[in-house]
Amino acid sequence: MIIKIKVHPKSKKIEIKKSELNEVDGVWEIWIKSPPEKNKANEEVIQIVSNELKVPKSKITLVTGSKSRIKRFRVDI
């Protein structure tokens, strides 16, 4: 499964807004507290996705957007 995520770093609260495109792909918006420095934001997003989908972090891979607000993650289920 591929999830496209728009990240809002340095937010005051953690929030997730999901919309499903179809059974395979989805688009999420995630507000996180971490700043976009030293991969902190990417790590927090992976943790949130892991908790939300109830899969281990090792099953989640950042495909594109490591330095962008728009990211694509592959989730192996």
PDB file of N, CA and C in Angstrom:
ATOM      1  N   MET A   1       0.847  -1.162   0.000  1.00  0.00           N
ATOM      2  CA  MET A   1       0.000   0.000   0.000  1.00  0.00           C
ATOM      3  C   MET A   1       0.900   1.235   0.000  1.00  0.00           C
ATOM      4  N   ILE A   2       0.536   2.232  -0.787  1.00  0.00           N
ATOM      5  CA  ILE A   2       1.242   3.510  -0.826  1.00  0.00           C
ATOM      6  C   ILE A   2       0.348   4.572  -0.186  1.00  0.00           C
ATOM      7  N   ILE A   3       0.937   5.343   0.731  1.00  0.00           N
ATOM      8  CA  ILE A   3       0.196   6.429   1.373  1.00  0.00           C
ATOM      9  C   ILE A   3       0.911   7.734   1.061  1.00  0.00           C
ATOM     10  N   LYS A   4       0.166   8.675   0.519  1.00  0.00           N
ATOM     11  CA  LYS A   4       0.689  10.017   0.275  1.00  0.00           C
ATOM     12  C   LYS A   4       0.331  10.866   1.489  1.00  0.00           C
ATOM     13  N   ILE A   5       1.346  11.526   2.062  1.00  0.00           N
ATOM     14  CA  ILE A   5       1.128  12.282   3.289  1.00  0.00           C
ATOM     15  C   ILE A   5       1.635  13.706   3.119  1.00  0.00           C
ATOM     16  N   LYS A   6       0.790  14.656   3.483  1.00  0.00           N
ATOM     17  CA  LYS A   6       1.208  16.050   3.564  1.00  0.00           C
ATOM     18  C   LYS A   6       1.481  16.338   5.033  1.00  0.00           C
ATOM     19  N   VAL A   7       2.709  16.735   5.341  1.00  0.00           N
ATOM     20  CA  VAL A   7       3.144  16.912   6.719  1.00  0.00           C
ATOM     21  C   VAL A   7       3.156  18.395   7.075  1.00  0.00           C
ATOM     22  N   HIS A   8       2.650  18.695   8.263  1.00  0.00           N
ATOM     23  CA  HIS A   8       2.675  20.046   8.806  1.00  0.00           C
ATOM     24  C   HIS A   8       3.549  20.015  10.062  1.00  0.00           C
ATOM     25  N   PRO A   9       4.850  20.320   9.942  1.00  0.00           N
ATOM     26  CA  PRO A   9       5.737  20.244  11.107  1.00  0.00           C
ATOM     27  C   PRO A   9       5.552  21.429  12.056  1.00  0.00           C
ATOM     28  N   LYS A  10       6.119  21.282  13.251  1.00  0.00           N
ATOM     29  CA  LYS A  10       6.119  22.311  14.290  1.00  0.00           C
ATOM     30  C   LYS A  10       4.708  22.773  14.656  1.00  0.00           C
ATOM     31  N   SER A  11       3.790  21.820  14.715  1.00  0.00           N
ATOM     32  CA  SER A  11       2.423  22.118  15.113  1.00  0.00           C
ATOM     33  C   SER A  11       2.310  22.028  16.629  1.00  0.00           C
ATOM     34  N   LYS A  12       1.291  22.629  17.194  1.00  0.00           N
ATOM     35  CA  LYS A  12       1.095  22.564  18.641  1.00  0.00           C
ATOM     36  C   LYS A  12       0.481  21.245  19.076  1.00  0.00           C
ATOM     37  N   LYS A  13      -0.171  20.547  18.148  1.00  0.00           N
ATOM     38  CA  LYS A  13      -0.792  19.269  18.484  1.00  0.00           C
ATOM     39  C   LYS A  13      -0.591  18.274  17.350  1.00  0.00           C
ATOM     40  N   ILE A  14      -0.753  17.007  17.686  1.00  0.00           N
ATOM     41  CA  ILE A  14      -0.677  15.952  16.682  1.00  0.00           C
ATOM     42  C   ILE A  14      -2.100  15.672  16.211  1.00  0.00           C
ATOM     43  N   GLU A  15      -2.269  15.691  14.895  1.00  0.00           N
ATOM     44  CA  GLU A  15      -3.592  15.460  14.318  1.00  0.00           C
ATOM     45  C   GLU A  15      -3.434  14.723  13.009  1.00  0.00           C
ATOM     46  N   ILE A  16      -4.391  13.859  12.702  1.00  0.00           N
ATOM     47  CA  ILE A  16      -4.371  13.089  11.462  1.00  0.00           C
ATOM     48  C   ILE A  16      -5.704  13.282  10.753  1.00  0.00           C
ATOM     49  N   LYS A  17      -5.616  13.560   9.466  1.00  0.00           N
ATOM     50  CA  LYS A  17      -6.812  13.666   8.628  1.00  0.00           C
ATOM     51  C   LYS A  17      -6.583  12.733   7.451  1.00  0.00           C
ATOM     52  N   LYS A  18      -7.459  11.735   7.296  1.00  0.00           N
ATOM     53  CA  LYS A  18      -7.290  10.725   6.251  1.00  0.00           C
ATOM     54  C   LYS A  18      -8.405  10.822   5.228  1.00  0.00           C
ATOM     55  N   SER A  19      -8.044  10.542   3.981  1.00  0.00           N
ATOM     56  CA  SER A  19      -9.047  10.336   2.938  1.00  0.00           C
ATOM     57  C   SER A  19      -8.559   9.189   2.066  1.00  0.00           C
ATOM     58  N   GLU A  20      -9.409   8.243   1.823  1.00  0.00           N
ATOM     59  CA  GLU A  20      -9.047   7.071   1.039  1.00  0.00           C
ATOM     60  C   GLU A  20      -9.371   7.320  -0.436  1.00  0.00           C
ATOM     61  N   LEU A  21      -8.380   7.131  -1.291  1.00  0.00           N
ATOM     62  CA  LEU A  21      -8.623   7.236  -2.727  1.00  0.00           C
ATOM     63  C   LEU A  21      -9.298   5.965  -3.235  1.00  0.00           C
ATOM     64  N   ASN A  22      -8.752   4.850  -2.820  1.00  0.00           N
ATOM     65  CA  ASN A  22      -9.326   3.545  -3.145  1.00  0.00           C
ATOM     66  C   ASN A  22      -8.795   2.549  -2.124  1.00  0.00           C
ATOM     67  N   GLU A  23      -8.953   1.281  -2.349  1.00  0.00           N
ATOM     68  CA  GLU A  23      -8.527   0.292  -1.365  1.00  0.00           C
ATOM     69  C   GLU A  23      -7.012   0.206  -1.243  1.00  0.00           C
ATOM     70  N   VAL A  24      -6.287   0.654  -2.252  1.00  0.00           N
ATOM     71  CA  VAL A  24      -4.834   0.504  -2.254  1.00  0.00           C
ATOM     72  C   VAL A  24      -4.126   1.768  -1.769  1.00  0.00           C
ATOM     73  N   ASP A  25      -4.542   2.912  -2.235  1.00  0.00           N
ATOM     74  CA  ASP A  25      -3.838   4.159  -1.935  1.00  0.00           C
ATOM     75  C   ASP A  25      -4.681   5.086  -1.066  1.00  0.00           C
ATOM     76  N   GLY A  26      -3.996   5.939  -0.326  1.00  0.00           N
ATOM     77  CA  GLY A  26      -4.689   6.914   0.498  1.00  0.00           C
ATOM     78  C   GLY A  26      -3.923   8.215   0.553  1.00  0.00           C
ATOM     79  N   VAL A  27      -4.595   9.287   0.935  1.00  0.00           N
ATOM     80  CA  VAL A  27      -3.974  10.595   1.123  1.00  0.00           C
ATOM     81  C   VAL A  27      -4.258  11.019   2.553  1.00  0.00           C
ATOM     82  N   TRP A  28      -3.209  11.361   3.284  1.00  0.00           N
ATOM     83  CA  TRP A  28      -3.338  11.782   4.673  1.00  0.00           C
ATOM     84  C   TRP A  28      -2.717  13.148   4.840  1.00  0.00           C
ATOM     85  N   GLU A  29      -3.208  13.895   5.818  1.00  0.00           N
ATOM     86  CA  GLU A  29      -2.543  15.104   6.305  1.00  0.00           C
ATOM     87  C   GLU A  29      -2.236  14.854   7.762  1.00  0.00           C
ATOM     88  N   ILE A  30      -0.985  15.120   8.147  1.00  0.00           N
ATOM     89  CA  ILE A  30      -0.575  14.879   9.523  1.00  0.00           C
ATOM     90  C   ILE A  30       0.103  16.133  10.065  1.00  0.00           C
ATOM     91  N   TRP A  31      -0.394  16.594  11.210  1.00  0.00           N
ATOM     92  CA  TRP A  31       0.218  17.708  11.926  1.00  0.00           C
ATOM     93  C   TRP A  31       1.076  17.105  13.024  1.00  0.00           C
ATOM     94  N   ILE A  32       2.370  17.469  13.054  1.00  0.00           N
ATOM     95  CA  ILE A  32       3.296  16.891  14.029  1.00  0.00           C
ATOM     96  C   ILE A  32       4.004  18.000  14.800  1.00  0.00           C
ATOM     97  N   LYS A  33       4.560  17.630  15.946  1.00  0.00           N
ATOM     98  CA  LYS A  33       5.260  18.603  16.783  1.00  0.00           C
ATOM     99  C   LYS A  33       6.725  18.771  16.395  1.00  0.00           C
ATOM    100  N   SER A  34       7.323  17.770  15.793  1.00  0.00           N
ATOM    101  CA  SER A  34       8.754  17.804  15.471  1.00  0.00           C
ATOM    102  C   SER A  34       9.076  18.838  14.406  1.00  0.00           C
ATOM    103  N   PRO A  35      10.264  19.447  14.493  1.00  0.00           N
ATOM    104  CA  PRO A  35      10.708  20.345  13.437  1.00  0.00           C
ATOM    105  C   PRO A  35      11.267  19.531  12.266  1.00  0.00           C
ATOM    106  N   PRO A  36      11.308  20.123  11.089  1.00  0.00           N
ATOM    107  CA  PRO A  36      11.845  19.400   9.924  1.00  0.00           C
ATOM    108  C   PRO A  36      13.382  19.448   9.899  1.00  0.00           C
ATOM    109  N   GLU A  37      13.997  18.952  10.946  1.00  0.00           N
ATOM    110  CA  GLU A  37      15.457  18.965  11.055  1.00  0.00           C
ATOM    111  C   GLU A  37      15.964  17.579  11.415  1.00  0.00           C
ATOM    112  N   LYS A  38      17.074  17.196  10.828  1.00  0.00           N
ATOM    113  CA  LYS A  38      17.777  15.952  11.169  1.00  0.00           C
ATOM    114  C   LYS A  38      16.860  14.736  11.161  1.00  0.00           C
ATOM    115  N   ASN A  39      15.949  14.691  10.208  1.00  0.00           N
ATOM    116  CA  ASN A  39      15.055  13.549  10.000  1.00  0.00           C
ATOM    117  C   ASN A  39      14.053  13.333  11.146  1.00  0.00           C
ATOM    118  N   LYS A  40      13.935  14.281  12.057  1.00  0.00           N
ATOM    119  CA  LYS A  40      13.016  14.138  13.197  1.00  0.00           C
ATOM    120  C   LYS A  40      11.561  14.055  12.739  1.00  0.00           C
ATOM    121  N   ALA A  41      11.188  14.886  11.782  1.00  0.00           N
ATOM    122  CA  ALA A  41       9.803  14.892  11.300  1.00  0.00           C
ATOM    123  C   ALA A  41       9.459  13.570  10.615  1.00  0.00           C
ATOM    124  N   ASN A  42      10.365  13.066   9.798  1.00  0.00           N
ATOM    125  CA  ASN A  42      10.106  11.793   9.113  1.00  0.00           C
ATOM    126  C   ASN A  42       9.937  10.656  10.116  1.00  0.00           C
ATOM    127  N   GLU A  43      10.766  10.642  11.141  1.00  0.00           N
ATOM    128  CA  GLU A  43      10.671   9.601  12.166  1.00  0.00           C
ATOM    129  C   GLU A  43       9.341   9.680  12.922  1.00  0.00           C
ATOM    130  N   GLU A  44       8.902  10.902  13.222  1.00  0.00           N
ATOM    131  CA  GLU A  44       7.625  11.052  13.921  1.00  0.00           C
ATOM    132  C   GLU A  44       6.467  10.604  13.029  1.00  0.00           C
ATOM    133  N   VAL A  45       6.528  10.924  11.744  1.00  0.00           N
ATOM    134  CA  VAL A  45       5.474  10.503  10.823  1.00  0.00           C
ATOM    135  C   VAL A  45       5.433   8.978  10.738  1.00  0.00           C
ATOM    136  N   ILE A  46       6.581   8.331  10.659  1.00  0.00           N
ATOM    137  CA  ILE A  46       6.631   6.866  10.607  1.00  0.00           C
ATOM    138  C   ILE A  46       6.017   6.278  11.877  1.00  0.00           C
ATOM    139  N   GLN A  47       6.318   6.865  13.019  1.00  0.00           N
ATOM    140  CA  GLN A  47       5.754   6.385  14.285  1.00  0.00           C
ATOM    141  C   GLN A  47       4.226   6.525  14.298  1.00  0.00           C
ATOM    142  N   ILE A  48       3.730   7.650  13.817  1.00  0.00           N
ATOM    143  CA  ILE A  48       2.282   7.888  13.783  1.00  0.00           C
ATOM    144  C   ILE A  48       1.593   6.912  12.837  1.00  0.00           C
ATOM    145  N   VAL A  49       2.172   6.715  11.654  1.00  0.00           N
ATOM    146  CA  VAL A  49       1.586   5.779  10.690  1.00  0.00           C
ATOM    147  C   VAL A  49       1.606   4.360  11.264  1.00  0.00           C
ATOM    148  N   SER A  50       2.697   4.006  11.914  1.00  0.00           N
ATOM    149  CA  SER A  50       2.814   2.689  12.537  1.00  0.00           C
ATOM    150  C   SER A  50       1.722   2.474  13.577  1.00  0.00           C
ATOM    151  N   ASN A  51       1.506   3.449  14.424  1.00  0.00           N
ATOM    152  CA  ASN A  51       0.465   3.349  15.450  1.00  0.00           C
ATOM    153  C   ASN A  51      -0.932   3.308  14.836  1.00  0.00           C
ATOM    154  N   GLU A  52      -1.147   4.116  13.823  1.00  0.00           N
ATOM    155  CA  GLU A  52      -2.468   4.218  13.207  1.00  0.00           C
ATOM    156  C   GLU A  52      -2.861   2.925  12.482  1.00  0.00           C
ATOM    157  N   LEU A  53      -1.900   2.330  11.774  1.00  0.00           N
ATOM    158  CA  LEU A  53      -2.188   1.111  11.001  1.00  0.00           C
ATOM    159  C   LEU A  53      -1.900  -0.171  11.779  1.00  0.00           C
ATOM    160  N   LYS A  54      -1.314  -0.011  12.963  1.00  0.00           N
ATOM    161  CA  LYS A  54      -0.963  -1.155  13.815  1.00  0.00           C
ATOM    162  C   LYS A  54      -0.024  -2.127  13.103  1.00  0.00           C
ATOM    163  N   VAL A  55       1.017  -1.564  12.489  1.00  0.00           N
ATOM    164  CA  VAL A  55       2.077  -2.363  11.866  1.00  0.00           C
ATOM    165  C   VAL A  55       3.412  -1.904  12.450  1.00  0.00           C
ATOM    166  N   PRO A  56       4.423  -2.770  12.444  1.00  0.00           N
ATOM    167  CA  PRO A  56       5.734  -2.355  12.951  1.00  0.00           C
ATOM    168  C   PRO A  56       6.365  -1.269  12.075  1.00  0.00           C
ATOM    169  N   LYS A  57       7.184  -0.434  12.688  1.00  0.00           N
ATOM    170  CA  LYS A  57       7.858   0.636  11.937  1.00  0.00           C
ATOM    171  C   LYS A  57       8.738   0.067  10.828  1.00  0.00           C
ATOM    172  N   SER A  58       9.237  -1.144  11.010  1.00  0.00           N
ATOM    173  CA  SER A  58      10.099  -1.768   9.996  1.00  0.00           C
ATOM    174  C   SER A  58       9.356  -2.062   8.701  1.00  0.00           C
ATOM    175  N   LYS A  59       8.039  -2.067   8.737  1.00  0.00           N
ATOM    176  CA  LYS A  59       7.225  -2.325   7.540  1.00  0.00           C
ATOM    177  C   LYS A  59       6.889  -1.048   6.779  1.00  0.00           C
ATOM    178  N   ILE A  60       7.362   0.103   7.259  1.00  0.00           N
ATOM    179  CA  ILE A  60       7.052   1.392   6.642  1.00  0.00           C
ATOM    180  C   ILE A  60       8.329   1.986   6.060  1.00  0.00           C
ATOM    181  N   THR A  61       8.277   2.329   4.773  1.00  0.00           N
ATOM    182  CA  THR A  61       9.439   2.858   4.076  1.00  0.00           C
ATOM    183  C   THR A  61       9.084   4.182   3.420  1.00  0.00           C
ATOM    184  N   LEU A  62       9.939   5.189   3.628  1.00  0.00           N
ATOM    185  CA  LEU A  62       9.775   6.470   2.946  1.00  0.00           C
ATOM    186  C   LEU A  62      10.260   6.293   1.512  1.00  0.00           C
ATOM    187  N   VAL A  63       9.369   6.497   0.556  1.00  0.00           N
ATOM    188  CA  VAL A  63       9.701   6.285  -0.856  1.00  0.00           C
ATOM    189  C   VAL A  63      10.197   7.580  -1.490  1.00  0.00           C
ATOM    190  N   THR A  64       9.431   8.656  -1.327  1.00  0.00           N
ATOM    191  CA  THR A  64       9.822   9.954  -1.881  1.00  0.00           C
ATOM    192  C   THR A  64       9.482  11.053  -0.892  1.00  0.00           C
ATOM    193  N   GLY A  65      10.205  12.183  -1.002  1.00  0.00           N
ATOM    194  CA  GLY A  65       9.867  13.360  -0.229  1.00  0.00           C
ATOM    195  C   GLY A  65      10.580  13.495   1.093  1.00  0.00           C
ATOM    196  N   SER A  66      11.792  12.982   1.205  1.00  0.00           N
ATOM    197  CA  SER A  66      12.486  13.038   2.492  1.00  0.00           C
ATOM    198  C   SER A  66      12.711  14.469   2.976  1.00  0.00           C
ATOM    199  N   LYS A  67      12.793  15.428   2.053  1.00  0.00           N
ATOM    200  CA  LYS A  67      13.002  16.824   2.444  1.00  0.00           C
ATOM    201  C   LYS A  67      11.854  17.714   1.991  1.00  0.00           C
ATOM    202  N   SER A  68      10.706  17.107   1.766  1.00  0.00           N
ATOM    203  CA  SER A  68       9.533  17.828   1.285  1.00  0.00           C
ATOM    204  C   SER A  68       8.386  17.635   2.267  1.00  0.00           C
ATOM    205  N   ARG A  69       7.393  18.504   2.209  1.00  0.00           N
ATOM    206  CA  ARG A  69       6.201  18.325   3.042  1.00  0.00           C
ATOM    207  C   ARG A  69       5.286  17.243   2.492  1.00  0.00           C
ATOM    208  N   ILE A  70       5.372  16.989   1.189  1.00  0.00           N
ATOM    209  CA  ILE A  70       4.583  15.937   0.557  1.00  0.00           C
ATOM    210  C   ILE A  70       5.461  14.700   0.474  1.00  0.00           C
ATOM    211  N   LYS A  71       5.026  13.621   1.114  1.00  0.00           N
ATOM    212  CA  LYS A  71       5.819  12.399   1.200  1.00  0.00           C
ATOM    213  C   LYS A  71       4.994  11.209   0.745  1.00  0.00           C
ATOM    214  N   ARG A  72       5.678  10.180   0.277  1.00  0.00           N
ATOM    215  CA  ARG A  72       5.021   8.920  -0.067  1.00  0.00           C
ATOM    216  C   ARG A  72       5.696   7.813   0.732  1.00  0.00           C
ATOM    217  N   PHE A  73       4.859   7.045   1.413  1.00  0.00           N
ATOM    218  CA  PHE A  73       5.337   5.922   2.211  1.00  0.00           C
ATOM    219  C   PHE A  73       4.769   4.637   1.664  1.00  0.00           C
ATOM    220  N   ARG A  74       5.597   3.599   1.644  1.00  0.00           N
ATOM    221  CA  ARG A  74       5.135   2.255   1.299  1.00  0.00           C
ATOM    222  C   ARG A  74       4.958   1.498   2.601  1.00  0.00           C
ATOM    223  N   VAL A  75       3.808   0.874   2.752  1.00  0.00           N
ATOM    224  CA  VAL A  75       3.508   0.081   3.943  1.00  0.00           C
ATOM    225  C   VAL A  75       3.330  -1.362   3.508  1.00  0.00           C
ATOM    226  N   ASP A  76       4.194  -2.236   4.005  1.00  0.00           N
ATOM    227  CA  ASP A  76       4.094  -3.662   3.701  1.00  0.00           C
ATOM    228  C   ASP A  76       3.215  -4.319   4.756  1.00  0.00           C
ATOM    229  N   ILE A  77       2.119  -4.871   4.294  1.00  0.00           N
ATOM    230  CA  ILE A  77       1.187  -5.497   5.240  1.00  0.00           C
ATOM    231  C   ILE A  77       1.237  -7.002   5.050  1.00  0.00           C
TER     232      ILE A  77
END
